Amino acid sequence: MARNIHTKLTFQIYAEEKAFGPGVASLLTRITELHSLRKAAAEMNMAYSKAWTIIKNCEKQLDMKLLCTSVGGRNGGGAELTEDAKKLLDSYNEISKQLRDEAQKLFDEKLKWLSEK
């Protein structure tokens, strides 16, 4: 009987502490789509204050600004990724995909028999 045995690989970037990983990437992706840190946090069922803490910690660890923000006003506030943040997110997603693909190849080569038992 075939079983659902599979790989799961996550990629994280560290400086002094964990700086960037799947959670931050997901938050930045949602900010890109929604143009708002508050909306991105809400969509992830995360407190706005926690989202800010995650962003600030990442900025501190990587010594780079991630967001350009605007406050309130007629059309409300908003957030956009900086060019460095866009580059980081794109590179992170590309590396993550390549690592997952390679892990899947290795799994298929070395361990596929586990899911065929």
N, C-alpha and C. Protein backbone atom coordinates (compact mmCIF):
# COMPACT_ATOMS: atom_id res chain seq x y z
N MET A 1 0.84 -1.17 0.00
CA MET A 1 0.00 0.00 0.00
C MET A 1 0.90 1.25 0.00
N ALA A 2 0.62 2.19 -0.89
CA ALA A 2 1.38 3.43 -0.97
C ALA A 2 1.03 4.33 0.21
N ARG A 3 2.05 4.96 0.80
CA ARG A 3 1.84 5.87 1.92
C ARG A 3 2.31 7.26 1.52
N ASN A 4 1.80 8.23 2.20
CA ASN A 4 2.14 9.62 1.90
C ASN A 4 3.39 10.04 2.68
N ILE A 5 4.53 9.49 2.33
CA ILE A 5 5.80 9.87 2.93
C ILE A 5 6.48 10.82 1.95
N HIS A 6 6.88 11.99 2.43
CA HIS A 6 7.39 13.02 1.54
C HIS A 6 8.43 13.89 2.25
N THR A 7 9.01 14.79 1.53
CA THR A 7 9.99 15.71 2.10
C THR A 7 9.35 17.04 2.44
N LYS A 8 9.95 17.74 3.39
CA LYS A 8 9.58 19.13 3.66
C LYS A 8 10.87 19.82 4.08
N LEU A 9 11.27 20.78 3.30
CA LEU A 9 12.52 21.48 3.53
C LEU A 9 12.23 22.96 3.65
N THR A 10 12.75 23.60 4.69
CA THR A 10 12.62 25.05 4.82
C THR A 10 14.01 25.67 4.85
N PHE A 11 14.09 26.86 4.34
CA PHE A 11 15.34 27.60 4.22
C PHE A 11 15.24 28.83 5.11
N GLN A 12 16.22 29.02 5.98
CA GLN A 12 16.23 30.17 6.87
C GLN A 12 17.58 30.86 6.78
N ILE A 13 17.56 32.18 6.96
CA ILE A 13 18.77 32.98 6.94
C ILE A 13 19.02 33.50 8.35
N TYR A 14 20.25 33.34 8.81
CA TYR A 14 20.63 33.78 10.15
C TYR A 14 21.71 34.84 10.09
N ALA A 15 21.67 35.75 11.05
CA ALA A 15 22.78 36.68 11.32
C ALA A 15 23.19 36.31 12.75
N GLU A 16 23.03 37.19 13.70
CA GLU A 16 23.24 36.82 15.11
C GLU A 16 22.10 35.90 15.57
N GLU A 17 20.92 36.15 15.05
CA GLU A 17 19.73 35.36 15.35
C GLU A 17 19.06 35.05 14.02
N LYS A 18 17.97 34.27 14.09
CA LYS A 18 17.21 34.01 12.88
C LYS A 18 16.72 35.34 12.32
N ALA A 19 16.98 35.55 11.03
CA ALA A 19 16.64 36.84 10.43
C ALA A 19 15.52 36.73 9.41
N PHE A 20 15.50 35.64 8.65
CA PHE A 20 14.55 35.56 7.54
C PHE A 20 14.23 34.10 7.27
N GLY A 21 12.96 33.83 7.04
CA GLY A 21 12.52 32.47 6.74
C GLY A 21 11.15 32.49 6.09
N PRO A 22 10.48 31.36 6.08
CA PRO A 22 9.18 31.28 5.40
C PRO A 22 8.12 32.23 5.95
N GLY A 23 8.13 32.47 7.25
CA GLY A 23 7.13 33.37 7.83
C GLY A 23 7.31 34.81 7.39
N VAL A 24 8.55 35.30 7.41
CA VAL A 24 8.81 36.66 6.96
C VAL A 24 8.53 36.78 5.47
N ALA A 25 8.92 35.76 4.71
CA ALA A 25 8.65 35.77 3.26
C ALA A 25 7.16 35.84 2.99
N SER A 26 6.39 35.09 3.73
CA SER A 26 4.93 35.11 3.56
C SER A 26 4.36 36.48 3.92
N LEU A 27 4.85 37.07 5.00
CA LEU A 27 4.39 38.41 5.39
C LEU A 27 4.72 39.44 4.32
N LEU A 28 5.94 39.41 3.80
CA LEU A 28 6.33 40.37 2.75
C LEU A 28 5.52 40.15 1.48
N THR A 29 5.23 38.91 1.15
CA THR A 29 4.42 38.62 -0.04
C THR A 29 3.03 39.22 0.10
N ARG A 30 2.45 39.05 1.27
CA ARG A 30 1.11 39.61 1.50
C ARG A 30 1.13 41.15 1.52
N ILE A 31 2.18 41.73 2.06
CA ILE A 31 2.30 43.20 2.02
C ILE A 31 2.36 43.67 0.57
N THR A 32 3.09 42.95 -0.27
CA THR A 32 3.17 43.29 -1.69
C THR A 32 1.79 43.26 -2.33
N GLU A 33 1.01 42.24 -2.00
CA GLU A 33 -0.32 42.07 -2.59
C GLU A 33 -1.34 43.08 -2.04
N LEU A 34 -1.27 43.36 -0.74
CA LEU A 34 -2.30 44.16 -0.07
C LEU A 34 -1.89 45.62 0.17
N HIS A 35 -0.61 45.94 -0.01
CA HIS A 35 -0.08 47.29 0.20
C HIS A 35 -0.34 47.78 1.62
N SER A 36 -0.33 46.84 2.57
CA SER A 36 -0.62 47.21 3.95
C SER A 36 -0.07 46.15 4.90
N LEU A 37 0.70 46.60 5.88
CA LEU A 37 1.18 45.68 6.91
C LEU A 37 0.01 45.21 7.77
N ARG A 38 -0.88 46.13 8.10
CA ARG A 38 -2.04 45.77 8.95
C ARG A 38 -2.91 44.71 8.27
N LYS A 39 -3.19 44.89 6.99
CA LYS A 39 -4.02 43.91 6.27
C LYS A 39 -3.29 42.58 6.11
N ALA A 40 -1.98 42.65 5.86
CA ALA A 40 -1.19 41.42 5.72
C ALA A 40 -1.20 40.64 7.03
N ALA A 41 -1.02 41.34 8.14
CA ALA A 41 -1.04 40.69 9.45
C ALA A 41 -2.40 40.06 9.71
N ALA A 42 -3.47 40.80 9.43
CA ALA A 42 -4.82 40.29 9.65
C ALA A 42 -5.07 39.04 8.82
N GLU A 43 -4.62 39.05 7.58
CA GLU A 43 -4.82 37.89 6.71
C GLU A 43 -4.09 36.65 7.24
N MET A 44 -3.01 36.89 7.97
CA MET A 44 -2.23 35.79 8.55
C MET A 44 -2.67 35.47 9.98
N ASN A 45 -3.77 36.10 10.44
CA ASN A 45 -4.25 35.94 11.82
C ASN A 45 -3.15 36.28 12.82
N MET A 46 -2.47 37.37 12.55
CA MET A 46 -1.34 37.81 13.37
C MET A 46 -1.63 39.22 13.88
N ALA A 47 -1.24 39.49 15.09
CA ALA A 47 -1.39 40.84 15.62
C ALA A 47 -0.51 41.80 14.84
N TYR A 48 -1.00 43.00 14.62
CA TYR A 48 -0.25 44.03 13.91
C TYR A 48 1.08 44.30 14.61
N SER A 49 1.05 44.33 15.94
CA SER A 49 2.28 44.59 16.70
C SER A 49 3.30 43.47 16.49
N LYS A 50 2.83 42.24 16.38
CA LYS A 50 3.74 41.12 16.13
C LYS A 50 4.35 41.24 14.73
N ALA A 51 3.54 41.63 13.75
CA ALA A 51 4.05 41.80 12.39
C ALA A 51 5.14 42.86 12.37
N TRP A 52 4.91 43.97 13.07
CA TRP A 52 5.93 45.03 13.14
C TRP A 52 7.19 44.51 13.81
N THR A 53 7.04 43.72 14.87
CA THR A 53 8.20 43.16 15.56
C THR A 53 9.00 42.25 14.63
N ILE A 54 8.32 41.45 13.85
CA ILE A 54 8.99 40.56 12.89
C ILE A 54 9.76 41.38 11.86
N ILE A 55 9.13 42.41 11.33
CA ILE A 55 9.78 43.27 10.33
C ILE A 55 10.99 43.96 10.94
N LYS A 56 10.83 44.55 12.12
CA LYS A 56 11.93 45.28 12.76
C LYS A 56 13.09 44.35 13.11
N ASN A 57 12.78 43.14 13.58
CA ASN A 57 13.84 42.18 13.89
C ASN A 57 14.62 41.80 12.63
N CYS A 58 13.92 41.55 11.56
CA CYS A 58 14.57 41.21 10.29
C CYS A 58 15.43 42.37 9.81
N GLU A 59 14.90 43.58 9.88
CA GLU A 59 15.67 44.76 9.47
C GLU A 59 16.95 44.89 10.29
N LYS A 60 16.84 44.67 11.59
CA LYS A 60 17.99 44.78 12.48
C LYS A 60 19.03 43.71 12.14
N GLN A 61 18.59 42.47 12.00
CA GLN A 61 19.51 41.36 11.74
C GLN A 61 20.22 41.49 10.40
N LEU A 62 19.50 41.97 9.39
CA LEU A 62 20.07 42.07 8.04
C LEU A 62 20.62 43.46 7.73
N ASP A 63 20.43 44.40 8.65
CA ASP A 63 20.89 45.77 8.48
C ASP A 63 20.39 46.37 7.16
N MET A 64 19.08 46.25 6.97
CA MET A 64 18.45 46.81 5.77
C MET A 64 17.01 47.17 6.08
N LYS A 65 16.52 48.18 5.41
CA LYS A 65 15.12 48.60 5.55
C LYS A 65 14.27 47.73 4.61
N LEU A 66 13.16 47.22 5.12
CA LEU A 66 12.28 46.36 4.33
C LEU A 66 11.06 47.08 3.79
N LEU A 67 10.55 48.07 4.53
CA LEU A 67 9.29 48.71 4.15
C LEU A 67 9.42 50.22 4.03
N CYS A 68 8.67 50.75 3.07
CA CYS A 68 8.40 52.18 2.96
C CYS A 68 6.94 52.32 3.36
N THR A 69 6.67 53.11 4.37
CA THR A 69 5.30 53.24 4.86
C THR A 69 4.80 54.67 4.73
N SER A 70 3.48 54.78 4.61
CA SER A 70 2.84 56.09 4.64
C SER A 70 1.74 56.03 5.69
N VAL A 71 1.52 57.13 6.36
CA VAL A 71 0.58 57.18 7.47
C VAL A 71 -0.74 57.77 7.03
N GLY A 72 -1.83 57.11 7.43
CA GLY A 72 -3.20 57.61 7.27
C GLY A 72 -3.47 58.47 6.06
N GLY A 73 -4.20 59.53 6.30
CA GLY A 73 -4.54 60.43 5.22
C GLY A 73 -5.85 60.05 4.55
N ARG A 74 -6.15 60.74 3.48
CA ARG A 74 -7.42 60.56 2.78
C ARG A 74 -7.61 59.13 2.27
N ASN A 75 -6.57 58.55 1.70
CA ASN A 75 -6.67 57.19 1.17
C ASN A 75 -6.15 56.14 2.14
N GLY A 76 -5.92 56.51 3.37
CA GLY A 76 -5.39 55.59 4.36
C GLY A 76 -3.89 55.42 4.19
N GLY A 77 -3.29 54.76 5.13
CA GLY A 77 -1.85 54.52 5.06
C GLY A 77 -1.55 53.36 4.14
N GLY A 78 -0.30 52.98 4.14
CA GLY A 78 0.07 51.85 3.32
C GLY A 78 1.52 51.47 3.52
N ALA A 79 1.89 50.37 2.92
CA ALA A 79 3.26 49.89 3.00
C ALA A 79 3.65 49.26 1.68
N GLU A 80 4.87 49.51 1.30
CA GLU A 80 5.45 48.93 0.09
C GLU A 80 6.82 48.37 0.46
N LEU A 81 7.25 47.34 -0.24
CA LEU A 81 8.58 46.80 -0.03
C LEU A 81 9.62 47.72 -0.65
N THR A 82 10.75 47.85 0.04
CA THR A 82 11.88 48.58 -0.55
C THR A 82 12.47 47.73 -1.67
N GLU A 83 13.31 48.33 -2.47
CA GLU A 83 13.97 47.57 -3.55
C GLU A 83 14.80 46.43 -2.97
N ASP A 84 15.50 46.69 -1.86
CA ASP A 84 16.28 45.62 -1.22
C ASP A 84 15.38 44.48 -0.76
N ALA A 85 14.23 44.81 -0.19
CA ALA A 85 13.29 43.78 0.27
C ALA A 85 12.76 42.96 -0.89
N LYS A 86 12.45 43.62 -2.01
CA LYS A 86 11.98 42.89 -3.20
C LYS A 86 13.05 41.93 -3.69
N LYS A 87 14.29 42.41 -3.73
CA LYS A 87 15.40 41.57 -4.18
C LYS A 87 15.60 40.40 -3.22
N LEU A 88 15.55 40.67 -1.92
CA LEU A 88 15.68 39.62 -0.92
C LEU A 88 14.59 38.57 -1.07
N LEU A 89 13.34 39.02 -1.19
CA LEU A 89 12.21 38.10 -1.31
C LEU A 89 12.31 37.26 -2.57
N ASP A 90 12.62 37.89 -3.70
CA ASP A 90 12.76 37.15 -4.96
C ASP A 90 13.87 36.11 -4.87
N SER A 91 15.02 36.50 -4.33
CA SER A 91 16.15 35.58 -4.19
C SER A 91 15.81 34.45 -3.23
N TYR A 92 15.18 34.79 -2.12
CA TYR A 92 14.78 33.78 -1.14
C TYR A 92 13.84 32.75 -1.77
N ASN A 93 12.84 33.23 -2.51
CA ASN A 93 11.89 32.31 -3.14
C ASN A 93 12.57 31.43 -4.18
N GLU A 94 13.49 31.99 -4.93
CA GLU A 94 14.21 31.22 -5.94
C GLU A 94 15.09 30.15 -5.29
N ILE A 95 15.84 30.53 -4.27
CA ILE A 95 16.69 29.56 -3.58
C ILE A 95 15.83 28.48 -2.94
N SER A 96 14.73 28.87 -2.30
CA SER A 96 13.83 27.89 -1.65
C SER A 96 13.31 26.87 -2.66
N LYS A 97 12.90 27.34 -3.83
CA LYS A 97 12.39 26.43 -4.85
C LYS A 97 13.48 25.47 -5.31
N GLN A 98 14.67 25.99 -5.55
CA GLN A 98 15.77 25.13 -5.99
C GLN A 98 16.12 24.09 -4.93
N LEU A 99 16.11 24.49 -3.67
CA LEU A 99 16.40 23.55 -2.59
C LEU A 99 15.31 22.47 -2.48
N ARG A 100 14.05 22.88 -2.59
CA ARG A 100 12.95 21.90 -2.54
C ARG A 100 13.03 20.92 -3.70
N ASP A 101 13.32 21.44 -4.89
CA ASP A 101 13.44 20.58 -6.07
C ASP A 101 14.56 19.57 -5.90
N GLU A 102 15.70 20.03 -5.40
CA GLU A 102 16.85 19.14 -5.19
C GLU A 102 16.54 18.11 -4.10
N ALA A 103 15.89 18.54 -3.02
CA ALA A 103 15.51 17.61 -1.96
C ALA A 103 14.56 16.54 -2.50
N GLN A 104 13.63 16.94 -3.37
CA GLN A 104 12.70 15.97 -3.95
C GLN A 104 13.44 14.96 -4.82
N LYS A 105 14.40 15.43 -5.60
CA LYS A 105 15.20 14.52 -6.43
C LYS A 105 15.95 13.52 -5.57
N LEU A 106 16.58 14.01 -4.51
CA LEU A 106 17.31 13.12 -3.61
C LEU A 106 16.38 12.13 -2.92
N PHE A 107 15.21 12.62 -2.50
CA PHE A 107 14.22 11.73 -1.89
C PHE A 107 13.82 10.64 -2.87
N ASP A 108 13.50 11.04 -4.10
CA ASP A 108 13.09 10.06 -5.11
C ASP A 108 14.19 9.04 -5.38
N GLU A 109 15.43 9.50 -5.36
CA GLU A 109 16.57 8.63 -5.63
C GLU A 109 16.87 7.70 -4.47
N LYS A 110 16.82 8.20 -3.25
CA LYS A 110 17.28 7.44 -2.09
C LYS A 110 16.18 6.86 -1.19
N LEU A 111 15.03 7.49 -1.14
CA LEU A 111 14.03 7.09 -0.15
C LEU A 111 12.64 6.82 -0.69
N LYS A 112 12.45 6.87 -1.97
CA LYS A 112 11.11 6.66 -2.55
C LYS A 112 10.52 5.33 -2.11
N TRP A 113 11.38 4.35 -1.90
CA TRP A 113 10.91 3.03 -1.49
C TRP A 113 10.09 3.07 -0.20
N LEU A 114 10.33 4.08 0.66
CA LEU A 114 9.56 4.18 1.89
C LEU A 114 8.07 4.40 1.63
N SER A 115 7.77 5.19 0.62
CA SER A 115 6.36 5.49 0.34
C SER A 115 5.72 4.39 -0.51
N GLU A 116 6.50 3.45 -0.97
CA GLU A 116 5.96 2.36 -1.80
C GLU A 116 5.70 1.10 -1.00
N LYS A 117 6.05 1.09 0.27
CA LYS A 117 5.87 -0.07 1.14
C LYS A 117 4.42 -0.30 1.44
